[in-house]
Amino acid sequence: MHTQLLTLEDGVTRLTLAPQTGGSIANWIALASGQPLLRPSDDEALSAGTPRRLSCYPLAPWSNRIGNGGFDTPDGWLALEPNSANDALPIHGSAWQQPWDVVEHSASHALLQLDSAIPFAYRAQLRFSLKDGSLSITLTVTHLAEQAAWHGLGLHPYLQRTANTRLQAKAAQVWLSDDQGLPSELQALPAEWDFNELNSLPQTRLDNGFTEWDGKALISQPDLGYELECQASGSQFFLVFCPPGLDFFCFEPVSHPVNAHHLPGHPGLRLLQQGESAELGYRMSYRGL
């Protein structure tokens, strides 16, 4: 399968995008060393045709899982079907499973756009820009349907993992998950999941959401010779996915907790009327060690 790729450079890093594969990032590397700064994508990964084999993809119009087969809107129940062979529940919205159009492309900037009819009409835009080793991503969604609906946003970066990878991101509590991966209860942070100070990643599985994030994170990769300083806007929650024994993990800035459509008050979701928009921004700044 041939995948159309776009390349951006800023003299410090090179970003490769795969617009037709869910608006994904395929690679981001440091030019001087060739060091990947996200999980790298080889030709086999690109040919697979799924964002889950690449470096990062957008989450819209919701992130992670939704239970109960759908959710309520002011105009009634919106039924959802499972959309992934890997999960029994609808997951990560619909933007990652559709090709995006290239609206703008210059040496260090690109704008991608998706007009979606699934599960309702919305327009999503992804703006990427590189400057002095910093990658800025802005995800915007505009509701196009006549009937209002709940929207949530997120990004799903895959990061490299070695024995000495460290993560720092402030949080107040963590959601425990049931056997479907849906939140069951909030609890205080256990020591191995406490990233308020720079901490190693757990050896056991972690696939949970964290609350009251200040939008700042540090991903330290001493074995690989770099760190990423991260800053999010429009995101008060993050998810960490650490599959045991694999060479990657995910740190996902999101606007809402998992299954927020069924949590009291719909935390982090926006009920958008036709023409209204929501936005999430994320900047990752590369620094060599």
C-alpha atoms as a PDB file:
ATOM      1  CA  MET A   1       0.000   0.000   0.000  1.00  0.00           C
ATOM      2  CA  HIS A   2       1.452   3.381  -1.041  1.00  0.00           C
ATOM      3  CA  THR A   3       1.144   6.026   1.670  1.00  0.00           C
ATOM      4  CA  GLN A   4       1.331   9.728   0.813  1.00  0.00           C
ATOM      5  CA  LEU A   5       3.784  11.434   3.164  1.00  0.00           C
ATOM      6  CA  LEU A   6       4.433  15.088   3.987  1.00  0.00           C
ATOM      7  CA  THR A   7       7.713  16.305   5.438  1.00  0.00           C
ATOM      8  CA  LEU A   8       8.371  19.366   7.614  1.00  0.00           C
ATOM      9  CA  GLU A   9      11.777  20.588   8.856  1.00  0.00           C
ATOM     10  CA  ASP A  10      13.028  23.395  11.083  1.00  0.00           C
ATOM     11  CA  GLY A  11      16.797  22.814  10.962  1.00  0.00           C
ATOM     12  CA  VAL A  12      16.687  20.845  14.213  1.00  0.00           C
ATOM     13  CA  THR A  13      14.064  18.146  13.624  1.00  0.00           C
ATOM     14  CA  ARG A  14      12.159  16.553  10.750  1.00  0.00           C
ATOM     15  CA  LEU A  15       8.465  15.631  10.976  1.00  0.00           C
ATOM     16  CA  THR A  16       6.840  13.157   8.586  1.00  0.00           C
ATOM     17  CA  LEU A  17       3.043  13.078   8.339  1.00  0.00           C
ATOM     18  CA  ALA A  18       0.724  10.431   6.872  1.00  0.00           C
ATOM     19  CA  PRO A  19      -2.488  12.420   6.210  1.00  0.00           C
ATOM     20  CA  GLN A  20      -4.375   9.565   4.559  1.00  0.00           C
ATOM     21  CA  THR A  21      -3.709   7.291   7.521  1.00  0.00           C
ATOM     22  CA  GLY A  22      -5.927   9.045  10.031  1.00  0.00           C
ATOM     23  CA  GLY A  23      -4.015  12.341  10.025  1.00  0.00           C
ATOM     24  CA  SER A  24      -1.121  10.584  11.747  1.00  0.00           C
ATOM     25  CA  ILE A  25       2.484  11.421  12.468  1.00  0.00           C
ATOM     26  CA  ALA A  26       4.709   8.749  10.924  1.00  0.00           C
ATOM     27  CA  ASN A  27       8.076   9.921  12.273  1.00  0.00           C
ATOM     28  CA  TRP A  28       9.726  12.771  14.148  1.00  0.00           C
ATOM     29  CA  ILE A  29      13.519  12.710  14.300  1.00  0.00           C
ATOM     30  CA  ALA A  30      16.451  14.867  15.422  1.00  0.00           C
ATOM     31  CA  LEU A  31      18.347  15.863  12.269  1.00  0.00           C
ATOM     32  CA  ALA A  32      21.860  15.910  13.737  1.00  0.00           C
ATOM     33  CA  SER A  33      21.722  12.372  15.136  1.00  0.00           C
ATOM     34  CA  GLY A  34      18.841  10.740  13.274  1.00  0.00           C
ATOM     35  CA  GLN A  35      17.416   9.825  16.694  1.00  0.00           C
ATOM     36  CA  PRO A  36      13.658   9.163  16.637  1.00  0.00           C
ATOM     37  CA  LEU A  37      11.778  11.340  19.143  1.00  0.00           C
ATOM     38  CA  LEU A  38       8.574   9.278  18.971  1.00  0.00           C
ATOM     39  CA  ARG A  39       8.167   5.567  18.278  1.00  0.00           C
ATOM     40  CA  PRO A  40       9.513   5.270  14.718  1.00  0.00           C
ATOM     41  CA  SER A  41       7.482   3.900  11.804  1.00  0.00           C
ATOM     42  CA  ASP A  42       9.240   1.717   9.226  1.00  0.00           C
ATOM     43  CA  ASP A  43       7.934   0.793   5.772  1.00  0.00           C
ATOM     44  CA  GLU A  44       6.060  -2.198   7.178  1.00  0.00           C
ATOM     45  CA  ALA A  45       4.264  -0.021   9.726  1.00  0.00           C
ATOM     46  CA  LEU A  46       3.352   2.511   7.052  1.00  0.00           C
ATOM     47  CA  SER A  47       2.075  -0.232   4.744  1.00  0.00           C
ATOM     48  CA  ALA A  48      -0.190  -1.609   7.485  1.00  0.00           C
ATOM     49  CA  GLY A  49      -2.503   1.349   6.904  1.00  0.00           C
ATOM     50  CA  THR A  50      -3.462   1.844  10.561  1.00  0.00           C
ATOM     51  CA  PRO A  51      -2.520   4.764  12.821  1.00  0.00           C
ATOM     52  CA  ARG A  52      -1.922   2.276  15.632  1.00  0.00           C
ATOM     53  CA  ARG A  53       1.343   1.270  13.936  1.00  0.00           C
ATOM     54  CA  LEU A  54       2.527   4.876  13.571  1.00  0.00           C
ATOM     55  CA  SER A  55       3.827   7.596  15.929  1.00  0.00           C
ATOM     56  CA  CYS A  56       0.778   9.676  16.869  1.00  0.00           C
ATOM     57  CA  TYR A  57      -2.830  10.168  15.794  1.00  0.00           C
ATOM     58  CA  PRO A  58      -5.748  12.487  16.668  1.00  0.00           C
ATOM     59  CA  LEU A  59      -8.684  11.572  18.899  1.00  0.00           C
ATOM     60  CA  ALA A  60     -12.006  13.181  17.901  1.00  0.00           C
ATOM     61  CA  PRO A  61     -14.857  13.607  18.597  1.00  0.00           C
ATOM     62  CA  TRP A  62     -13.940  11.679  21.761  1.00  0.00           C
ATOM     63  CA  SER A  63     -10.951   9.907  23.282  1.00  0.00           C
ATOM     64  CA  ASN A  64     -10.706   6.355  24.575  1.00  0.00           C
ATOM     65  CA  ARG A  65     -13.730   4.135  25.304  1.00  0.00           C
ATOM     66  CA  ILE A  66     -17.460   4.794  25.602  1.00  0.00           C
ATOM     67  CA  GLY A  67     -19.641   2.257  27.396  1.00  0.00           C
ATOM     68  CA  ASN A  68     -23.346   1.368  27.164  1.00  0.00           C
ATOM     69  CA  GLY A  69     -23.384   1.275  23.358  1.00  0.00           C
ATOM     70  CA  GLY A  70     -23.655   5.041  22.897  1.00  0.00           C
ATOM     71  CA  PHE A  71     -24.604   8.205  24.755  1.00  0.00           C
ATOM     72  CA  ASP A  72     -27.414  10.685  25.323  1.00  0.00           C
ATOM     73  CA  THR A  73     -27.713  13.943  23.411  1.00  0.00           C
ATOM     74  CA  PRO A  74     -30.346  16.685  23.848  1.00  0.00           C
ATOM     75  CA  ASP A  75     -32.179  15.091  20.900  1.00  0.00           C
ATOM     76  CA  GLY A  76     -32.026  11.516  22.143  1.00  0.00           C
ATOM     77  CA  TRP A  77     -29.800   8.474  22.243  1.00  0.00           C
ATOM     78  CA  LEU A  78     -26.858   8.230  19.830  1.00  0.00           C
ATOM     79  CA  ALA A  79     -26.004   4.553  19.291  1.00  0.00           C
ATOM     80  CA  LEU A  80     -22.372   3.602  18.640  1.00  0.00           C
ATOM     81  CA  GLU A  81     -20.888   0.372  17.326  1.00  0.00           C
ATOM     82  CA  PRO A  82     -17.460  -1.051  18.255  1.00  0.00           C
ATOM     83  CA  ASN A  83     -14.961   0.324  15.732  1.00  0.00           C
ATOM     84  CA  SER A  84     -11.806  -1.682  16.392  1.00  0.00           C
ATOM     85  CA  ALA A  85     -10.949  -5.374  16.223  1.00  0.00           C
ATOM     86  CA  ASN A  86      -8.826  -4.841  19.339  1.00  0.00           C
ATOM     87  CA  ASP A  87     -11.618  -3.530  21.546  1.00  0.00           C
ATOM     88  CA  ALA A  88     -15.185  -4.522  22.360  1.00  0.00           C
ATOM     89  CA  LEU A  89     -16.232  -0.881  22.871  1.00  0.00           C
ATOM     90  CA  PRO A  90     -16.224   2.122  20.534  1.00  0.00           C
ATOM     91  CA  ILE A  91     -12.844   3.773  21.024  1.00  0.00           C
ATOM     92  CA  HIS A  92     -11.004   7.005  20.141  1.00  0.00           C
ATOM     93  CA  GLY A  93     -13.729   8.574  18.006  1.00  0.00           C
ATOM     94  CA  SER A  94     -13.831   8.397  14.217  1.00  0.00           C
ATOM     95  CA  ALA A  95     -11.167  10.849  12.993  1.00  0.00           C
ATOM     96  CA  TRP A  96      -8.322   8.315  13.242  1.00  0.00           C
ATOM     97  CA  GLN A  97     -10.075   5.892  10.898  1.00  0.00           C
ATOM     98  CA  GLN A  98     -10.551   8.296   7.979  1.00  0.00           C
ATOM     99  CA  PRO A  99      -8.201   9.936   5.440  1.00  0.00           C
ATOM    100  CA  TRP A 100      -7.457  13.627   5.963  1.00  0.00           C
ATOM    101  CA  ASP A 101      -6.965  16.255   3.253  1.00  0.00           C
ATOM    102  CA  VAL A 102      -3.918  18.518   3.016  1.00  0.00           C
ATOM    103  CA  VAL A 103      -5.088  22.144   3.091  1.00  0.00           C
ATOM    104  CA  GLU A 104      -1.719  23.878   3.591  1.00  0.00           C
ATOM    105  CA  HIS A 105       1.894  22.681   3.433  1.00  0.00           C
ATOM    106  CA  SER A 106       5.107  24.689   3.710  1.00  0.00           C
ATOM    107  CA  ALA A 107       8.652  23.918   4.866  1.00  0.00           C
ATOM    108  CA  SER A 108       7.752  23.905   8.556  1.00  0.00           C
ATOM    109  CA  HIS A 109       3.945  24.001   8.645  1.00  0.00           C
ATOM    110  CA  ALA A 110       0.998  21.851   7.587  1.00  0.00           C
ATOM    111  CA  LEU A 111      -2.754  22.036   7.973  1.00  0.00           C
ATOM    112  CA  LEU A 112      -4.858  18.886   7.558  1.00  0.00           C
ATOM    113  CA  GLN A 113      -8.652  18.741   7.458  1.00  0.00           C
ATOM    114  CA  LEU A 114     -11.328  16.090   7.796  1.00  0.00           C
ATOM    115  CA  ASP A 115     -15.032  16.516   7.041  1.00  0.00           C
ATOM    116  CA  SER A 116     -16.719  13.602   8.801  1.00  0.00           C
ATOM    117  CA  ALA A 117     -20.284  12.323   8.857  1.00  0.00           C
ATOM    118  CA  ILE A 118     -19.520   9.674  11.516  1.00  0.00           C
ATOM    119  CA  PRO A 119     -21.060   9.483  14.113  1.00  0.00           C
ATOM    120  CA  PHE A 120     -22.418  12.965  13.309  1.00  0.00           C
ATOM    121  CA  ALA A 121     -21.293  15.766  11.010  1.00  0.00           C
ATOM    122  CA  TYR A 122     -18.168  17.627  12.157  1.00  0.00           C
ATOM    123  CA  ARG A 123     -15.053  19.219  10.677  1.00  0.00           C
ATOM    124  CA  ALA A 124     -11.684  18.524  12.285  1.00  0.00           C
ATOM    125  CA  GLN A 125      -8.463  20.387  11.591  1.00  0.00           C
ATOM    126  CA  LEU A 126      -4.917  19.472  12.580  1.00  0.00           C
ATOM    127  CA  ARG A 127      -2.265  22.169  12.466  1.00  0.00           C
ATOM    128  CA  PHE A 128       1.394  21.095  12.743  1.00  0.00           C
ATOM    129  CA  SER A 129       4.319  23.490  13.028  1.00  0.00           C
ATOM    130  CA  LEU A 130       8.023  23.085  13.755  1.00  0.00           C
ATOM    131  CA  LYS A 131      10.244  25.789  15.215  1.00  0.00           C
ATOM    132  CA  ASP A 132      13.663  25.414  16.851  1.00  0.00           C
ATOM    133  CA  GLY A 133      13.086  21.758  17.743  1.00  0.00           C
ATOM    134  CA  SER A 134       9.563  22.247  19.090  1.00  0.00           C
ATOM    135  CA  LEU A 135       6.580  20.485  17.518  1.00  0.00           C
ATOM    136  CA  SER A 136       3.261  22.260  18.026  1.00  0.00           C
ATOM    137  CA  ILE A 137      -0.008  20.470  17.279  1.00  0.00           C
ATOM    138  CA  THR A 138      -3.443  22.079  17.389  1.00  0.00           C
ATOM    139  CA  LEU A 139      -6.536  19.911  17.013  1.00  0.00           C
ATOM    140  CA  THR A 140      -9.784  21.800  16.385  1.00  0.00           C
ATOM    141  CA  VAL A 141     -13.253  20.349  15.875  1.00  0.00           C
ATOM    142  CA  THR A 142     -16.316  22.263  14.621  1.00  0.00           C
ATOM    143  CA  HIS A 143     -19.778  20.766  15.012  1.00  0.00           C
ATOM    144  CA  LEU A 144     -21.682  20.762  11.701  1.00  0.00           C
ATOM    145  CA  ALA A 145     -24.814  18.747  12.522  1.00  0.00           C
ATOM    146  CA  GLU A 146     -28.096  20.524  13.257  1.00  0.00           C
ATOM    147  CA  GLN A 147     -28.508  18.570  16.505  1.00  0.00           C
ATOM    148  CA  ALA A 148     -26.094  19.374  19.351  1.00  0.00           C
ATOM    149  CA  ALA A 149     -23.676  16.652  20.516  1.00  0.00           C
ATOM    150  CA  TRP A 150     -20.941  16.103  23.088  1.00  0.00           C
ATOM    151  CA  HIS A 151     -17.362  16.498  21.897  1.00  0.00           C
ATOM    152  CA  GLY A 152     -14.024  15.534  23.405  1.00  0.00           C
ATOM    153  CA  LEU A 153     -10.504  15.699  22.023  1.00  0.00           C
ATOM    154  CA  GLY A 154      -7.110  14.120  22.508  1.00  0.00           C
ATOM    155  CA  LEU A 155      -3.816  13.081  20.950  1.00  0.00           C
ATOM    156  CA  HIS A 156      -2.298   9.610  21.041  1.00  0.00           C
ATOM    157  CA  PRO A 157       1.515   9.802  20.842  1.00  0.00           C
ATOM    158  CA  TYR A 158       3.561   6.591  21.000  1.00  0.00           C
ATOM    159  CA  LEU A 159       6.865   7.144  22.790  1.00  0.00           C
ATOM    160  CA  GLN A 160       9.966   5.033  22.978  1.00  0.00           C
ATOM    161  CA  ARG A 161      10.608   3.114  26.175  1.00  0.00           C
ATOM    162  CA  THR A 162      13.882   1.864  27.622  1.00  0.00           C
ATOM    163  CA  ALA A 163      14.810   0.664  31.108  1.00  0.00           C
ATOM    164  CA  ASN A 164      15.607   4.246  32.140  1.00  0.00           C
ATOM    165  CA  THR A 165      12.709   6.143  30.571  1.00  0.00           C
ATOM    166  CA  ARG A 166      11.220   8.567  33.090  1.00  0.00           C
ATOM    167  CA  LEU A 167       7.961  10.564  33.135  1.00  0.00           C
ATOM    168  CA  GLN A 168       6.924  13.631  35.117  1.00  0.00           C
ATOM    169  CA  ALA A 169       3.339  14.933  34.988  1.00  0.00           C
ATOM    170  CA  LYS A 170       1.343  16.315  37.904  1.00  0.00           C
ATOM    171  CA  ALA A 171      -1.973  14.723  38.828  1.00  0.00           C
ATOM    172  CA  ALA A 172      -4.261  14.603  41.855  1.00  0.00           C
ATOM    173  CA  GLN A 173      -5.891  11.174  41.438  1.00  0.00           C
ATOM    174  CA  VAL A 174      -6.121   8.226  39.070  1.00  0.00           C
ATOM    175  CA  TRP A 175      -9.161   6.367  37.764  1.00  0.00           C
ATOM    176  CA  LEU A 176      -9.133   2.637  38.404  1.00  0.00           C
ATOM    177  CA  SER A 177     -10.586   0.621  35.517  1.00  0.00           C
ATOM    178  CA  ASP A 178     -12.969  -2.311  35.287  1.00  0.00           C
ATOM    179  CA  ASP A 179     -12.476  -5.327  33.030  1.00  0.00           C
ATOM    180  CA  GLN A 180     -13.825  -3.343  30.048  1.00  0.00           C
ATOM    181  CA  GLY A 181     -11.264  -0.585  30.531  1.00  0.00           C
ATOM    182  CA  LEU A 182     -13.906   1.839  31.830  1.00  0.00           C
ATOM    183  CA  PRO A 183     -13.310   3.942  34.961  1.00  0.00           C
ATOM    184  CA  SER A 184     -14.667   2.399  38.155  1.00  0.00           C
ATOM    185  CA  GLU A 185     -13.434   4.649  40.962  1.00  0.00           C
ATOM    186  CA  LEU A 186     -11.063   7.501  41.709  1.00  0.00           C
ATOM    187  CA  GLN A 187      -8.234   6.843  44.128  1.00  0.00           C
ATOM    188  CA  ALA A 188      -5.031   8.398  45.436  1.00  0.00           C
ATOM    189  CA  LEU A 189      -1.925   7.796  43.341  1.00  0.00           C
ATOM    190  CA  PRO A 190      -0.030   4.599  44.202  1.00  0.00           C
ATOM    191  CA  ALA A 191       3.736   5.117  44.351  1.00  0.00           C
ATOM    192  CA  GLU A 192       4.427   3.364  41.038  1.00  0.00           C
ATOM    193  CA  TRP A 193       1.837   5.571  39.284  1.00  0.00           C
ATOM    194  CA  ASP A 194       2.861   8.834  40.946  1.00  0.00           C
ATOM    195  CA  PHE A 195       4.460  11.015  38.288  1.00  0.00           C
ATOM    196  CA  ASN A 196       4.278  14.273  40.235  1.00  0.00           C
ATOM    197  CA  GLU A 197       8.055  13.901  40.411  1.00  0.00           C
ATOM    198  CA  LEU A 198      10.147  12.260  37.696  1.00  0.00           C
ATOM    199  CA  ASN A 199       9.408   8.528  37.986  1.00  0.00           C
ATOM    200  CA  SER A 200      10.166   5.328  36.127  1.00  0.00           C
ATOM    201  CA  LEU A 201       7.408   3.508  34.258  1.00  0.00           C
ATOM    202  CA  PRO A 202       5.697   0.544  35.957  1.00  0.00           C
ATOM    203  CA  GLN A 203       6.581  -3.011  34.983  1.00  0.00           C
ATOM    204  CA  THR A 204       2.929  -4.069  35.255  1.00  0.00           C
ATOM    205  CA  ARG A 205       0.193  -2.939  32.864  1.00  0.00           C
ATOM    206  CA  LEU A 206      -0.989   0.645  33.154  1.00  0.00           C
ATOM    207  CA  ASP A 207      -3.908   1.917  31.044  1.00  0.00           C
ATOM    208  CA  ASN A 208      -5.493   4.590  33.211  1.00  0.00           C
ATOM    209  CA  GLY A 209      -6.584   8.213  33.294  1.00  0.00           C
ATOM    210  CA  PHE A 210      -5.216  10.871  35.646  1.00  0.00           C
ATOM    211  CA  THR A 211      -7.023  13.985  36.903  1.00  0.00           C
ATOM    212  CA  GLU A 212      -6.283  17.680  37.550  1.00  0.00           C
ATOM    213  CA  TRP A 213      -3.291  17.886  35.237  1.00  0.00           C
ATOM    214  CA  ASP A 214      -1.613  21.284  34.869  1.00  0.00           C
ATOM    215  CA  GLY A 215      -0.776  20.566  31.226  1.00  0.00           C
ATOM    216  CA  LYS A 216       2.988  20.205  31.751  1.00  0.00           C
ATOM    217  CA  ALA A 217       5.007  17.013  31.328  1.00  0.00           C
ATOM    218  CA  LEU A 218       8.609  15.898  30.950  1.00  0.00           C
ATOM    219  CA  ILE A 219       9.612  12.715  29.156  1.00  0.00           C
ATOM    220  CA  SER A 220      13.237  11.863  29.906  1.00  0.00           C
ATOM    221  CA  GLN A 221      15.108   9.413  27.670  1.00  0.00           C
ATOM    222  CA  PRO A 222      18.691   9.268  29.037  1.00  0.00           C
ATOM    223  CA  ASP A 223      19.479   6.020  27.208  1.00  0.00           C
ATOM    224  CA  LEU A 224      18.524   7.703  23.909  1.00  0.00           C
ATOM    225  CA  GLY A 225      20.134  11.057  24.646  1.00  0.00           C
ATOM    226  CA  TYR A 226      17.174  13.415  24.738  1.00  0.00           C
ATOM    227  CA  GLU A 227      14.138  14.659  26.619  1.00  0.00           C
ATOM    228  CA  LEU A 228      10.806  16.141  25.587  1.00  0.00           C
ATOM    229  CA  GLU A 229       9.328  19.050  27.503  1.00  0.00           C
ATOM    230  CA  CYS A 230       5.570  19.063  26.877  1.00  0.00           C
ATOM    231  CA  GLN A 231       2.862  21.683  27.299  1.00  0.00           C
ATOM    232  CA  ALA A 232      -0.855  21.156  26.646  1.00  0.00           C
ATOM    233  CA  SER A 233      -3.813  23.533  26.458  1.00  0.00           C
ATOM    234  CA  GLY A 234      -7.462  22.523  26.603  1.00  0.00           C
ATOM    235  CA  SER A 235      -6.466  19.363  28.484  1.00  0.00           C
ATOM    236  CA  GLN A 236      -6.905  18.805  32.216  1.00  0.00           C
ATOM    237  CA  PHE A 237      -6.510  15.031  32.020  1.00  0.00           C
ATOM    238  CA  PHE A 238      -3.919  12.607  30.678  1.00  0.00           C
ATOM    239  CA  LEU A 239      -3.806   8.882  30.063  1.00  0.00           C
ATOM    240  CA  VAL A 240      -0.784   6.625  30.370  1.00  0.00           C
ATOM    241  CA  PHE A 241      -0.666   3.312  28.523  1.00  0.00           C
ATOM    242  CA  CYS A 242       2.232   1.003  29.397  1.00  0.00           C
ATOM    243  CA  PRO A 243       1.925  -2.486  27.894  1.00  0.00           C
ATOM    244  CA  PRO A 244       4.328  -4.778  29.784  1.00  0.00           C
ATOM    245  CA  GLY A 245       7.404  -6.006  27.978  1.00  0.00           C
ATOM    246  CA  LEU A 246       7.109  -3.740  24.920  1.00  0.00           C
ATOM    247  CA  ASP A 247       9.448  -0.982  23.762  1.00  0.00           C
ATOM    248  CA  PHE A 248       6.895   1.834  23.756  1.00  0.00           C
ATOM    249  CA  PHE A 249       4.408   3.619  25.977  1.00  0.00           C
ATOM    250  CA  CYS A 250       1.741   6.263  25.364  1.00  0.00           C
ATOM    251  CA  PHE A 251       1.255   9.564  27.143  1.00  0.00           C
ATOM    252  CA  GLU A 252      -2.026  11.021  25.898  1.00  0.00           C
ATOM    253  CA  PRO A 253      -3.220  14.586  26.546  1.00  0.00           C
ATOM    254  CA  VAL A 254      -7.033  14.507  26.536  1.00  0.00           C
ATOM    255  CA  SER A 255      -9.837  16.940  27.281  1.00  0.00           C
ATOM    256  CA  HIS A 256     -11.919  14.462  29.278  1.00  0.00           C
ATOM    257  CA  PRO A 257     -11.680  11.219  31.274  1.00  0.00           C
ATOM    258  CA  VAL A 258     -12.551   7.848  29.783  1.00  0.00           C
ATOM    259  CA  ASN A 259     -16.313   7.322  29.413  1.00  0.00           C
ATOM    260  CA  ALA A 260     -17.027  10.927  30.399  1.00  0.00           C
ATOM    261  CA  HIS A 261     -20.305  10.660  28.467  1.00  0.00           C
ATOM    262  CA  HIS A 262     -21.562   8.498  31.354  1.00  0.00           C
ATOM    263  CA  LEU A 263     -19.878  10.248  34.284  1.00  0.00           C
ATOM    264  CA  PRO A 264     -21.797  12.839  36.367  1.00  0.00           C
ATOM    265  CA  GLY A 265     -21.523  16.272  34.776  1.00  0.00           C
ATOM    266  CA  HIS A 266     -19.816  15.002  31.590  1.00  0.00           C
ATOM    267  CA  PRO A 267     -16.396  16.212  32.851  1.00  0.00           C
ATOM    268  CA  GLY A 268     -14.243  17.771  30.146  1.00  0.00           C
ATOM    269  CA  LEU A 269     -16.769  17.289  27.338  1.00  0.00           C
ATOM    270  CA  ARG A 270     -18.269  20.182  25.385  1.00  0.00           C
ATOM    271  CA  LEU A 271     -21.870  20.190  24.198  1.00  0.00           C
ATOM    272  CA  LEU A 272     -21.459  21.913  20.854  1.00  0.00           C
ATOM    273  CA  GLN A 273     -24.225  23.486  18.808  1.00  0.00           C
ATOM    274  CA  GLN A 274     -23.954  23.748  15.028  1.00  0.00           C
ATOM    275  CA  GLY A 275     -21.000  25.995  14.133  1.00  0.00           C
ATOM    276  CA  GLU A 276     -19.389  25.882  17.592  1.00  0.00           C
ATOM    277  CA  SER A 277     -15.827  24.636  18.056  1.00  0.00           C
ATOM    278  CA  ALA A 278     -13.494  23.087  20.620  1.00  0.00           C
ATOM    279  CA  GLU A 279      -9.693  22.974  20.574  1.00  0.00           C
ATOM    280  CA  LEU A 280      -6.759  21.135  22.143  1.00  0.00           C
ATOM    281  CA  GLY A 281      -3.138  22.190  21.771  1.00  0.00           C
ATOM    282  CA  TYR A 282       0.073  20.288  22.492  1.00  0.00           C
ATOM    283  CA  ARG A 283       3.719  21.277  22.176  1.00  0.00           C
ATOM    284  CA  MET A 284       6.656  18.876  22.513  1.00  0.00           C
ATOM    285  CA  SER A 285      10.082  20.534  22.711  1.00  0.00           C
ATOM    286  CA  TYR A 286      13.176  18.440  21.964  1.00  0.00           C
ATOM    287  CA  ARG A 287      16.305  18.884  24.026  1.00  0.00           C
ATOM    288  CA  GLY A 288      19.450  16.800  23.595  1.00  0.00           C
ATOM    289  CA  LEU A 289      21.133  15.441  26.722  1.00  0.00           C
END
